[in-house]
Amino acid sequence: MLKCTNNKLRLCLRISLKAIMKLQGCLSRLVLMYSSILVLAELESFKMEYANARLECNAADERANILASEVIGLEEKVTKFQWARRLRSNELKLERQLENS
């Protein structure tokens, strides 16, 4: 009778150990899946940050282009003003020369 009980207990122990090992495998897979989900979530977060940074860079490029065209326009106005000032200066010199002669 003790032998029979011992055999039954050993069988129950083996079955329990197999179930525990199976559960450990399942738990390991779940931990791996959870880790993968965390990594994917972090990757998605990085993608969003990258996309936002790209949008900001594009906006900065756009502003830089606008400012560059404004600078070019101002440089053209300065050049025209300098020419007009030189012409007026030459005109005044000629008038003085005419008056003196």
PDB file of N, CA and C in Angstrom:
ATOM      1  N   MET A   1       0.823  -1.188   0.000  1.00  0.00           N
ATOM      2  CA  MET A   1       0.000   0.000   0.000  1.00  0.00           C
ATOM      3  C   MET A   1       0.871   1.257   0.000  1.00  0.00           C
ATOM      4  N   LEU A   2       1.921   1.293   0.809  1.00  0.00           N
ATOM      5  CA  LEU A   2       2.831   2.428   0.815  1.00  0.00           C
ATOM      6  C   LEU A   2       3.538   2.548  -0.518  1.00  0.00           C
ATOM      7  N   LYS A   3       3.851   1.400  -1.092  1.00  0.00           N
ATOM      8  CA  LYS A   3       4.520   1.403  -2.392  1.00  0.00           C
ATOM      9  C   LYS A   3       3.609   2.004  -3.450  1.00  0.00           C
ATOM     10  N   CYS A   4       2.366   1.647  -3.402  1.00  0.00           N
ATOM     11  CA  CYS A   4       1.373   2.163  -4.360  1.00  0.00           C
ATOM     12  C   CYS A   4       1.203   3.664  -4.164  1.00  0.00           C
ATOM     13  N   THR A   5       1.108   4.093  -2.936  1.00  0.00           N
ATOM     14  CA  THR A   5       0.959   5.522  -2.648  1.00  0.00           C
ATOM     15  C   THR A   5       2.209   6.269  -3.080  1.00  0.00           C
ATOM     16  N   ASN A   6       3.347   5.654  -2.833  1.00  0.00           N
ATOM     17  CA  ASN A   6       4.607   6.274  -3.240  1.00  0.00           C
ATOM     18  C   ASN A   6       4.658   6.440  -4.758  1.00  0.00           C
ATOM     19  N   ASN A   7       4.262   5.408  -5.483  1.00  0.00           N
ATOM     20  CA  ASN A   7       4.242   5.475  -6.956  1.00  0.00           C
ATOM     21  C   ASN A   7       3.282   6.551  -7.449  1.00  0.00           C
ATOM     22  N   LYS A   8       2.118   6.629  -6.825  1.00  0.00           N
ATOM     23  CA  LYS A   8       1.136   7.651  -7.221  1.00  0.00           C
ATOM     24  C   LYS A   8       1.693   9.049  -6.959  1.00  0.00           C
ATOM     25  N   LEU A   9       2.350   9.210  -5.814  1.00  0.00           N
ATOM     26  CA  LEU A   9       2.919  10.512  -5.485  1.00  0.00           C
ATOM     27  C   LEU A   9       4.039  10.881  -6.456  1.00  0.00           C
ATOM     28  N   ARG A  10       4.857   9.875  -6.808  1.00  0.00           N
ATOM     29  CA  ARG A  10       5.921  10.131  -7.782  1.00  0.00           C
ATOM     30  C   ARG A  10       5.327  10.532  -9.135  1.00  0.00           C
ATOM     31  N   LEU A  11       4.277   9.842  -9.534  1.00  0.00           N
ATOM     32  CA  LEU A  11       3.606  10.166 -10.798  1.00  0.00           C
ATOM     33  C   LEU A  11       3.036  11.590 -10.745  1.00  0.00           C
ATOM     34  N   CYS A  12       2.406  11.915  -9.628  1.00  0.00           N
ATOM     35  CA  CYS A  12       1.855  13.271  -9.465  1.00  0.00           C
ATOM     36  C   CYS A  12       2.977  14.307  -9.495  1.00  0.00           C
ATOM     37  N   LEU A  13       4.099  13.981  -8.886  1.00  0.00           N
ATOM     38  CA  LEU A  13       5.237  14.887  -8.874  1.00  0.00           C
ATOM     39  C   LEU A  13       5.773  15.104 -10.280  1.00  0.00           C
ATOM     40  N   ARG A  14       5.914  14.007 -11.056  1.00  0.00           N
ATOM     41  CA  ARG A  14       6.391  14.133 -12.437  1.00  0.00           C
ATOM     42  C   ARG A  14       5.435  14.972 -13.273  1.00  0.00           C
ATOM     43  N   ILE A  15       4.151  14.710 -13.112  1.00  0.00           N
ATOM     44  CA  ILE A  15       3.136  15.487 -13.858  1.00  0.00           C
ATOM     45  C   ILE A  15       3.211  16.956 -13.452  1.00  0.00           C
ATOM     46  N   SER A  16       3.349  17.206 -12.162  1.00  0.00           N
ATOM     47  CA  SER A  16       3.429  18.591 -11.671  1.00  0.00           C
ATOM     48  C   SER A  16       4.682  19.274 -12.199  1.00  0.00           C
ATOM     49  N   LEU A  17       5.816  18.544 -12.197  1.00  0.00           N
ATOM     50  CA  LEU A  17       7.055  19.125 -12.711  1.00  0.00           C
ATOM     51  C   LEU A  17       6.945  19.457 -14.192  1.00  0.00           C
ATOM     52  N   LYS A  18       6.316  18.546 -14.971  1.00  0.00           N
ATOM     53  CA  LYS A  18       6.113  18.819 -16.402  1.00  0.00           C
ATOM     54  C   LYS A  18       5.240  20.063 -16.586  1.00  0.00           C
ATOM     55  N   ALA A  19       4.175  20.155 -15.757  1.00  0.00           N
ATOM     56  CA  ALA A  19       3.280  21.318 -15.851  1.00  0.00           C
ATOM     57  C   ALA A  19       4.040  22.598 -15.482  1.00  0.00           C
ATOM     58  N   ILE A  20       4.884  22.516 -14.447  1.00  0.00           N
ATOM     59  CA  ILE A  20       5.675  23.684 -14.027  1.00  0.00           C
ATOM     60  C   ILE A  20       6.636  24.085 -15.130  1.00  0.00           C
ATOM     61  N   MET A  21       7.304  23.116 -15.754  1.00  0.00           N
ATOM     62  CA  MET A  21       8.240  23.426 -16.839  1.00  0.00           C
ATOM     63  C   MET A  21       7.508  24.050 -18.024  1.00  0.00           C
ATOM     64  N   LYS A  22       6.318  23.516 -18.309  1.00  0.00           N
ATOM     65  CA  LYS A  22       5.509  24.066 -19.400  1.00  0.00           C
ATOM     66  C   LYS A  22       5.123  25.510 -19.082  1.00  0.00           C
ATOM     67  N   LEU A  23       4.703  25.740 -17.821  1.00  0.00           N
ATOM     68  CA  LEU A  23       4.324  27.083 -17.409  1.00  0.00           C
ATOM     69  C   LEU A  23       5.530  28.041 -17.439  1.00  0.00           C
ATOM     70  N   GLN A  24       6.703  27.519 -17.064  1.00  0.00           N
ATOM     71  CA  GLN A  24       7.912  28.342 -17.120  1.00  0.00           C
ATOM     72  C   GLN A  24       8.220  28.748 -18.564  1.00  0.00           C
ATOM     73  N   GLY A  25       8.037  27.802 -19.485  1.00  0.00           N
ATOM     74  CA  GLY A  25       8.231  28.115 -20.909  1.00  0.00           C
ATOM     75  C   GLY A  25       7.246  29.164 -21.374  1.00  0.00           C
ATOM     76  N   CYS A  26       5.984  28.996 -20.970  1.00  0.00           N
ATOM     77  CA  CYS A  26       4.955  29.980 -21.338  1.00  0.00           C
ATOM     78  C   CYS A  26       5.288  31.343 -20.750  1.00  0.00           C
ATOM     79  N   LEU A  27       5.726  31.344 -19.499  1.00  0.00           N
ATOM     80  CA  LEU A  27       6.077  32.593 -18.831  1.00  0.00           C
ATOM     81  C   LEU A  27       7.259  33.260 -19.543  1.00  0.00           C
ATOM     82  N   SER A  28       8.240  32.468 -19.932  1.00  0.00           N
ATOM     83  CA  SER A  28       9.391  33.015 -20.663  1.00  0.00           C
ATOM     84  C   SER A  28       8.942  33.644 -21.974  1.00  0.00           C
ATOM     85  N   ARG A  29       8.045  32.955 -22.694  1.00  0.00           N
ATOM     86  CA  ARG A  29       7.535  33.502 -23.960  1.00  0.00           C
ATOM     87  C   ARG A  29       6.744  34.789 -23.720  1.00  0.00           C
ATOM     88  N   LEU A  30       5.949  34.809 -22.641  1.00  0.00           N
ATOM     89  CA  LEU A  30       5.183  36.018 -22.327  1.00  0.00           C
ATOM     90  C   LEU A  30       6.107  37.189 -21.993  1.00  0.00           C
ATOM     91  N   VAL A  31       7.167  36.901 -21.228  1.00  0.00           N
ATOM     92  CA  VAL A  31       8.126  37.962 -20.895  1.00  0.00           C
ATOM     93  C   VAL A  31       8.785  38.475 -22.170  1.00  0.00           C
ATOM     94  N   LEU A  32       9.139  37.559 -23.056  1.00  0.00           N
ATOM     95  CA  LEU A  32       9.750  37.957 -24.321  1.00  0.00           C
ATOM     96  C   LEU A  32       8.780  38.788 -25.157  1.00  0.00           C
ATOM     97  N   MET A  33       7.520  38.359 -25.208  1.00  0.00           N
ATOM     98  CA  MET A  33       6.516  39.121 -25.961  1.00  0.00           C
ATOM     99  C   MET A  33       6.320  40.506 -25.352  1.00  0.00           C
ATOM    100  N   TYR A  34       6.255  40.559 -24.018  1.00  0.00           N
ATOM    101  CA  TYR A  34       6.084  41.846 -23.338  1.00  0.00           C
ATOM    102  C   TYR A  34       7.265  42.759 -23.640  1.00  0.00           C
ATOM    103  N   SER A  35       8.474  42.202 -23.586  1.00  0.00           N
ATOM    104  CA  SER A  35       9.671  42.985 -23.902  1.00  0.00           C
ATOM    105  C   SER A  35       9.606  43.491 -25.331  1.00  0.00           C
ATOM    106  N   SER A  36       9.160  42.626 -26.244  1.00  0.00           N
ATOM    107  CA  SER A  36       9.038  43.032 -27.651  1.00  0.00           C
ATOM    108  C   SER A  36       8.027  44.156 -27.804  1.00  0.00           C
ATOM    109  N   ILE A  37       6.928  44.059 -27.072  1.00  0.00           N
ATOM    110  CA  ILE A  37       5.899  45.108 -27.140  1.00  0.00           C
ATOM    111  C   ILE A  37       6.461  46.426 -26.621  1.00  0.00           C
ATOM    112  N   LEU A  38       7.224  46.354 -25.528  1.00  0.00           N
ATOM    113  CA  LEU A  38       7.843  47.572 -24.994  1.00  0.00           C
ATOM    114  C   LEU A  38       8.816  48.178 -25.989  1.00  0.00           C
ATOM    115  N   VAL A  39       9.605  47.336 -26.632  1.00  0.00           N
ATOM    116  CA  VAL A  39      10.567  47.824 -27.625  1.00  0.00           C
ATOM    117  C   VAL A  39       9.831  48.447 -28.800  1.00  0.00           C
ATOM    118  N   LEU A  40       8.753  47.806 -29.245  1.00  0.00           N
ATOM    119  CA  LEU A  40       7.976  48.357 -30.364  1.00  0.00           C
ATOM    120  C   LEU A  40       7.341  49.693 -29.989  1.00  0.00           C
ATOM    121  N   ALA A  41       6.847  49.783 -28.752  1.00  0.00           N
ATOM    122  CA  ALA A  41       6.254  51.051 -28.305  1.00  0.00           C
ATOM    123  C   ALA A  41       7.317  52.141 -28.263  1.00  0.00           C
ATOM    124  N   GLU A  42       8.496  51.796 -27.778  1.00  0.00           N
ATOM    125  CA  GLU A  42       9.584  52.770 -27.733  1.00  0.00           C
ATOM    126  C   GLU A  42      10.009  53.163 -29.140  1.00  0.00           C
ATOM    127  N   LEU A  43      10.055  52.190 -30.039  1.00  0.00           N
ATOM    128  CA  LEU A  43      10.405  52.470 -31.434  1.00  0.00           C
ATOM    129  C   LEU A  43       9.379  53.410 -32.058  1.00  0.00           C
ATOM    130  N   GLU A  44       8.106  53.172 -31.785  1.00  0.00           N
ATOM    131  CA  GLU A  44       7.054  54.035 -32.311  1.00  0.00           C
ATOM    132  C   GLU A  44       7.212  55.458 -31.772  1.00  0.00           C
ATOM    133  N   SER A  45       7.578  55.548 -30.509  1.00  0.00           N
ATOM    134  CA  SER A  45       7.807  56.859 -29.901  1.00  0.00           C
ATOM    135  C   SER A  45       8.964  57.573 -30.599  1.00  0.00           C
ATOM    136  N   PHE A  46      10.047  56.836 -30.862  1.00  0.00           N
ATOM    137  CA  PHE A  46      11.180  57.426 -31.577  1.00  0.00           C
ATOM    138  C   PHE A  46      10.782  57.854 -32.985  1.00  0.00           C
ATOM    139  N   LYS A  47       9.947  57.048 -33.634  1.00  0.00           N
ATOM    140  CA  LYS A  47       9.492  57.408 -34.981  1.00  0.00           C
ATOM    141  C   LYS A  47       8.714  58.722 -34.953  1.00  0.00           C
ATOM    142  N   MET A  48       7.862  58.869 -33.939  1.00  0.00           N
ATOM    143  CA  MET A  48       7.072  60.097 -33.821  1.00  0.00           C
ATOM    144  C   MET A  48       7.994  61.295 -33.558  1.00  0.00           C
ATOM    145  N   GLU A  49       8.973  61.104 -32.677  1.00  0.00           N
ATOM    146  CA  GLU A  49       9.921  62.180 -32.406  1.00  0.00           C
ATOM    147  C   GLU A  49      10.689  62.547 -33.665  1.00  0.00           C
ATOM    148  N   TYR A  50      11.089  61.539 -34.428  1.00  0.00           N
ATOM    149  CA  TYR A  50      11.831  61.777 -35.668  1.00  0.00           C
ATOM    150  C   TYR A  50      10.960  62.537 -36.667  1.00  0.00           C
ATOM    151  N   ALA A  51       9.702  62.110 -36.786  1.00  0.00           N
ATOM    152  CA  ALA A  51       8.785  62.780 -37.722  1.00  0.00           C
ATOM    153  C   ALA A  51       8.583  64.236 -37.313  1.00  0.00           C
ATOM    154  N   ASN A  52       8.422  64.479 -36.013  1.00  0.00           N
ATOM    155  CA  ASN A  52       8.258  65.856 -35.539  1.00  0.00           C
ATOM    156  C   ASN A  52       9.521  66.678 -35.796  1.00  0.00           C
ATOM    157  N   ALA A  53      10.674  66.071 -35.581  1.00  0.00           N
ATOM    158  CA  ALA A  53      11.938  66.777 -35.840  1.00  0.00           C
ATOM    159  C   ALA A  53      12.068  67.114 -37.321  1.00  0.00           C
ATOM    160  N   ARG A  54      11.668  66.171 -38.183  1.00  0.00           N
ATOM    161  CA  ARG A  54      11.717  66.432 -39.633  1.00  0.00           C
ATOM    162  C   ARG A  54      10.789  67.587 -40.001  1.00  0.00           C
ATOM    163  N   LEU A  55       9.586  67.605 -39.404  1.00  0.00           N
ATOM    164  CA  LEU A  55       8.652  68.707 -39.681  1.00  0.00           C
ATOM    165  C   LEU A  55       9.250  70.037 -39.239  1.00  0.00           C
ATOM    166  N   GLU A  56       9.875  70.047 -38.061  1.00  0.00           N
ATOM    167  CA  GLU A  56      10.494  71.270 -37.577  1.00  0.00           C
ATOM    168  C   GLU A  56      11.644  71.700 -38.489  1.00  0.00           C
ATOM    169  N   CYS A  57      12.425  70.740 -38.955  1.00  0.00           N
ATOM    170  CA  CYS A  57      13.527  71.061 -39.876  1.00  0.00           C
ATOM    171  C   CYS A  57      12.993  71.630 -41.181  1.00  0.00           C
ATOM    172  N   ASN A  58      11.935  71.018 -41.699  1.00  0.00           N
ATOM    173  CA  ASN A  58      11.342  71.511 -42.948  1.00  0.00           C
ATOM    174  C   ASN A  58      10.811  72.930 -42.759  1.00  0.00           C
ATOM    175  N   ALA A  59      10.184  73.178 -41.612  1.00  0.00           N
ATOM    176  CA  ALA A  59       9.666  74.521 -41.339  1.00  0.00           C
ATOM    177  C   ALA A  59      10.821  75.512 -41.226  1.00  0.00           C
ATOM    178  N   ALA A  60      11.907  75.093 -40.569  1.00  0.00           N
ATOM    179  CA  ALA A  60      13.077  75.973 -40.445  1.00  0.00           C
ATOM    180  C   ALA A  60      13.686  76.249 -41.818  1.00  0.00           C
ATOM    181  N   ASP A  61      13.752  75.233 -42.672  1.00  0.00           N
ATOM    182  CA  ASP A  61      14.253  75.432 -44.040  1.00  0.00           C
ATOM    183  C   ASP A  61      13.381  76.427 -44.795  1.00  0.00           C
ATOM    184  N   GLU A  62      12.082  76.281 -44.620  1.00  0.00           N
ATOM    185  CA  GLU A  62      11.147  77.191 -45.291  1.00  0.00           C
ATOM    186  C   GLU A  62      11.377  78.628 -44.821  1.00  0.00           C
ATOM    187  N   ARG A  63      11.510  78.801 -43.494  1.00  0.00           N
ATOM    188  CA  ARG A  63      11.755  80.147 -42.957  1.00  0.00           C
ATOM    189  C   ARG A  63      13.092  80.688 -43.457  1.00  0.00           C
ATOM    190  N   ALA A  64      14.102  79.823 -43.530  1.00  0.00           N
ATOM    191  CA  ALA A  64      15.423  80.250 -44.020  1.00  0.00           C
ATOM    192  C   ALA A  64      15.328  80.709 -45.474  1.00  0.00           C
ATOM    193  N   ASN A  65      14.566  79.989 -46.282  1.00  0.00           N
ATOM    194  CA  ASN A  65      14.400  80.381 -47.691  1.00  0.00           C
ATOM    195  C   ASN A  65      13.687  81.721 -47.804  1.00  0.00           C
ATOM    196  N   ILE A  66      12.666  81.916 -46.969  1.00  0.00           N
ATOM    197  CA  ILE A  66      11.929  83.194 -46.989  1.00  0.00           C
ATOM    198  C   ILE A  66      12.859  84.331 -46.583  1.00  0.00           C
ATOM    199  N   LEU A  67      13.627  84.110 -45.508  1.00  0.00           N
ATOM    200  CA  LEU A  67      14.557  85.146 -45.056  1.00  0.00           C
ATOM    201  C   LEU A  67      15.624  85.429 -46.107  1.00  0.00           C
ATOM    202  N   ALA A  68      16.106  84.374 -46.762  1.00  0.00           N
ATOM    203  CA  ALA A  68      17.122  84.568 -47.800  1.00  0.00           C
ATOM    204  C   ALA A  68      16.563  85.409 -48.946  1.00  0.00           C
ATOM    205  N   SER A  69      15.333  85.142 -49.349  1.00  0.00           N
ATOM    206  CA  SER A  69      14.756  85.938 -50.439  1.00  0.00           C
ATOM    207  C   SER A  69      14.523  87.374 -49.998  1.00  0.00           C
ATOM    208  N   GLU A  70      14.170  87.578 -48.709  1.00  0.00           N
ATOM    209  CA  GLU A  70      14.013  88.944 -48.201  1.00  0.00           C
ATOM    210  C   GLU A  70      15.363  89.668 -48.196  1.00  0.00           C
ATOM    211  N   VAL A  71      16.421  88.962 -47.809  1.00  0.00           N
ATOM    212  CA  VAL A  71      17.760  89.553 -47.802  1.00  0.00           C
ATOM    213  C   VAL A  71      18.165  89.949 -49.222  1.00  0.00           C
ATOM    214  N   ILE A  72      17.899  89.072 -50.176  1.00  0.00           N
ATOM    215  CA  ILE A  72      18.233  89.383 -51.572  1.00  0.00           C
ATOM    216  C   ILE A  72      17.474  90.627 -52.028  1.00  0.00           C
ATOM    217  N   GLY A  73      16.196  90.697 -51.671  1.00  0.00           N
ATOM    218  CA  GLY A  73      15.401  91.877 -52.031  1.00  0.00           C
ATOM    219  C   GLY A  73      15.954  93.147 -51.410  1.00  0.00           C
ATOM    220  N   LEU A  74      16.352  93.055 -50.133  1.00  0.00           N
ATOM    221  CA  LEU A  74      16.926  94.236 -49.469  1.00  0.00           C
ATOM    222  C   LEU A  74      18.265  94.617 -50.086  1.00  0.00           C
ATOM    223  N   GLU A  75      19.075  93.621 -50.439  1.00  0.00           N
ATOM    224  CA  GLU A  75      20.359  93.919 -51.092  1.00  0.00           C
ATOM    225  C   GLU A  75      20.137  94.627 -52.425  1.00  0.00           C
ATOM    226  N   GLU A  76      19.122  94.195 -53.167  1.00  0.00           N
ATOM    227  CA  GLU A  76      18.815  94.861 -54.448  1.00  0.00           C
ATOM    228  C   GLU A  76      18.391  96.308 -54.209  1.00  0.00           C
ATOM    229  N   LYS A  77      17.586  96.538 -53.161  1.00  0.00           N
ATOM    230  CA  LYS A  77      17.159  97.912 -52.850  1.00  0.00           C
ATOM    231  C   LYS A  77      18.351  98.763 -52.443  1.00  0.00           C
ATOM    232  N   VAL A  78      19.260  98.185 -51.639  1.00  0.00           N
ATOM    233  CA  VAL A  78      20.454  98.928 -51.223  1.00  0.00           C
ATOM    234  C   VAL A  78      21.298  99.286 -52.445  1.00  0.00           C
ATOM    235  N   THR A  79      21.454  98.341 -53.356  1.00  0.00           N
ATOM    236  CA  THR A  79      22.239  98.599 -54.570  1.00  0.00           C
ATOM    237  C   THR A  79      21.606  99.722 -55.380  1.00  0.00           C
ATOM    238  N   LYS A  80      20.295  99.691 -55.539  1.00  0.00           N
ATOM    239  CA  LYS A  80      19.594 100.753 -56.279  1.00  0.00           C
ATOM    240  C   LYS A  80      19.760 102.091 -55.580  1.00  0.00           C
ATOM    241  N   PHE A  81      19.649 102.065 -54.245  1.00  0.00           N
ATOM    242  CA  PHE A  81      19.813 103.301 -53.489  1.00  0.00           C
ATOM    243  C   PHE A  81      21.223 103.852 -53.648  1.00  0.00           C
ATOM    244  N   GLN A  82      22.226 102.963 -53.604  1.00  0.00           N
ATOM    245  CA  GLN A  82      23.611 103.408 -53.777  1.00  0.00           C
ATOM    246  C   GLN A  82      23.817 104.019 -55.148  1.00  0.00           C
ATOM    247  N   TRP A  83      23.238 103.408 -56.186  1.00  0.00           N
ATOM    248  CA  TRP A  83      23.351 103.963 -57.540  1.00  0.00           C
ATOM    249  C   TRP A  83      22.667 105.327 -57.620  1.00  0.00           C
ATOM    250  N   ALA A  84      21.484 105.404 -57.018  1.00  0.00           N
ATOM    251  CA  ALA A  84      20.761 106.682 -57.042  1.00  0.00           C
ATOM    252  C   ALA A  84      21.551 107.755 -56.298  1.00  0.00           C
ATOM    253  N   ARG A  85      22.165 107.389 -55.176  1.00  0.00           N
ATOM    254  CA  ARG A  85      22.957 108.345 -54.394  1.00  0.00           C
ATOM    255  C   ARG A  85      24.183 108.802 -55.189  1.00  0.00           C
ATOM    256  N   ARG A  86      24.838 107.862 -55.872  1.00  0.00           N
ATOM    257  CA  ARG A  86      26.003 108.225 -56.695  1.00  0.00           C
ATOM    258  C   ARG A  86      25.593 109.152 -57.847  1.00  0.00           C
ATOM    259  N   LEU A  87      24.471 108.788 -58.469  1.00  0.00           N
ATOM    260  CA  LEU A  87      23.991 109.637 -59.570  1.00  0.00           C
ATOM    261  C   LEU A  87      23.687 111.042 -59.076  1.00  0.00           C
ATOM    262  N   ARG A  88      23.022 111.131 -57.926  1.00  0.00           N
ATOM    263  CA  ARG A  88      22.673 112.457 -57.377  1.00  0.00           C
ATOM    264  C   ARG A  88      23.944 113.210 -57.000  1.00  0.00           C
ATOM    265  N   SER A  89      24.917 112.487 -56.421  1.00  0.00           N
ATOM    266  CA  SER A  89      26.181 113.113 -56.047  1.00  0.00           C
ATOM    267  C   SER A  89      26.901 113.644 -57.285  1.00  0.00           C
ATOM    268  N   ASN A  90      26.957 112.845 -58.338  1.00  0.00           N
ATOM    269  CA  ASN A  90      27.578 113.288 -59.597  1.00  0.00           C
ATOM    270  C   ASN A  90      26.820 114.465 -60.193  1.00  0.00           C
ATOM    271  N   GLU A  91      25.502 114.399 -60.081  1.00  0.00           N
ATOM    272  CA  GLU A  91      24.674 115.492 -60.598  1.00  0.00           C
ATOM    273  C   GLU A  91      24.985 116.797 -59.867  1.00  0.00           C
ATOM    274  N   LEU A  92      25.096 116.707 -58.534  1.00  0.00           N
ATOM    275  CA  LEU A  92      25.411 117.905 -57.749  1.00  0.00           C
ATOM    276  C   LEU A  92      26.815 118.416 -58.070  1.00  0.00           C
ATOM    277  N   LYS A  93      27.766 117.500 -58.270  1.00  0.00           N
ATOM    278  CA  LYS A  93      29.129 117.913 -58.652  1.00  0.00           C
ATOM    279  C   LYS A  93      29.116 118.654 -59.977  1.00  0.00           C
ATOM    280  N   LEU A  94      28.372 118.116 -60.950  1.00  0.00           N
ATOM    281  CA  LEU A  94      28.272 118.757 -62.263  1.00  0.00           C
ATOM    282  C   LEU A  94      27.636 120.145 -62.138  1.00  0.00           C
ATOM    283  N   GLU A  95      26.600 120.244 -61.285  1.00  0.00           N
ATOM    284  CA  GLU A  95      25.950 121.556 -61.115  1.00  0.00           C
ATOM    285  C   GLU A  95      26.938 122.564 -60.525  1.00  0.00           C
ATOM    286  N   ARG A  96      27.727 122.126 -59.539  1.00  0.00           N
ATOM    287  CA  ARG A  96      28.720 123.013 -58.934  1.00  0.00           C
ATOM    288  C   ARG A  96      29.778 123.420 -59.947  1.00  0.00           C
ATOM    289  N   GLN A  97      30.177 122.448 -60.773  1.00  0.00           N
ATOM    290  CA  GLN A  97      31.180 122.755 -61.795  1.00  0.00           C
ATOM    291  C   GLN A  97      30.638 123.764 -62.804  1.00  0.00           C
ATOM    292  N   LEU A  98      29.353 123.571 -63.140  1.00  0.00           N
ATOM    293  CA  LEU A  98      28.737 124.527 -64.077  1.00  0.00           C
ATOM    294  C   LEU A  98      28.639 125.925 -63.467  1.00  0.00           C
ATOM    295  N   GLU A  99      28.301 125.945 -62.184  1.00  0.00           N
ATOM    296  CA  GLU A  99      28.183 127.240 -61.518  1.00  0.00           C
ATOM    297  C   GLU A  99      29.556 127.924 -61.404  1.00  0.00           C
ATOM    298  N   ASN A 100      30.576 127.125 -61.166  1.00  0.00           N
ATOM    299  CA  ASN A 100      31.927 127.686 -61.014  1.00  0.00           C
ATOM    300  C   ASN A 100      32.533 128.108 -62.356  1.00  0.00           C
ATOM    301  N   SER A 101      32.050 127.542 -63.434  1.00  0.00           N
ATOM    302  CA  SER A 101      32.673 127.862 -64.719  1.00  0.00           C
ATOM    303  C   SER A 101      31.953 128.955 -65.478  1.00  0.00           C
TER     304      SER A 101
END
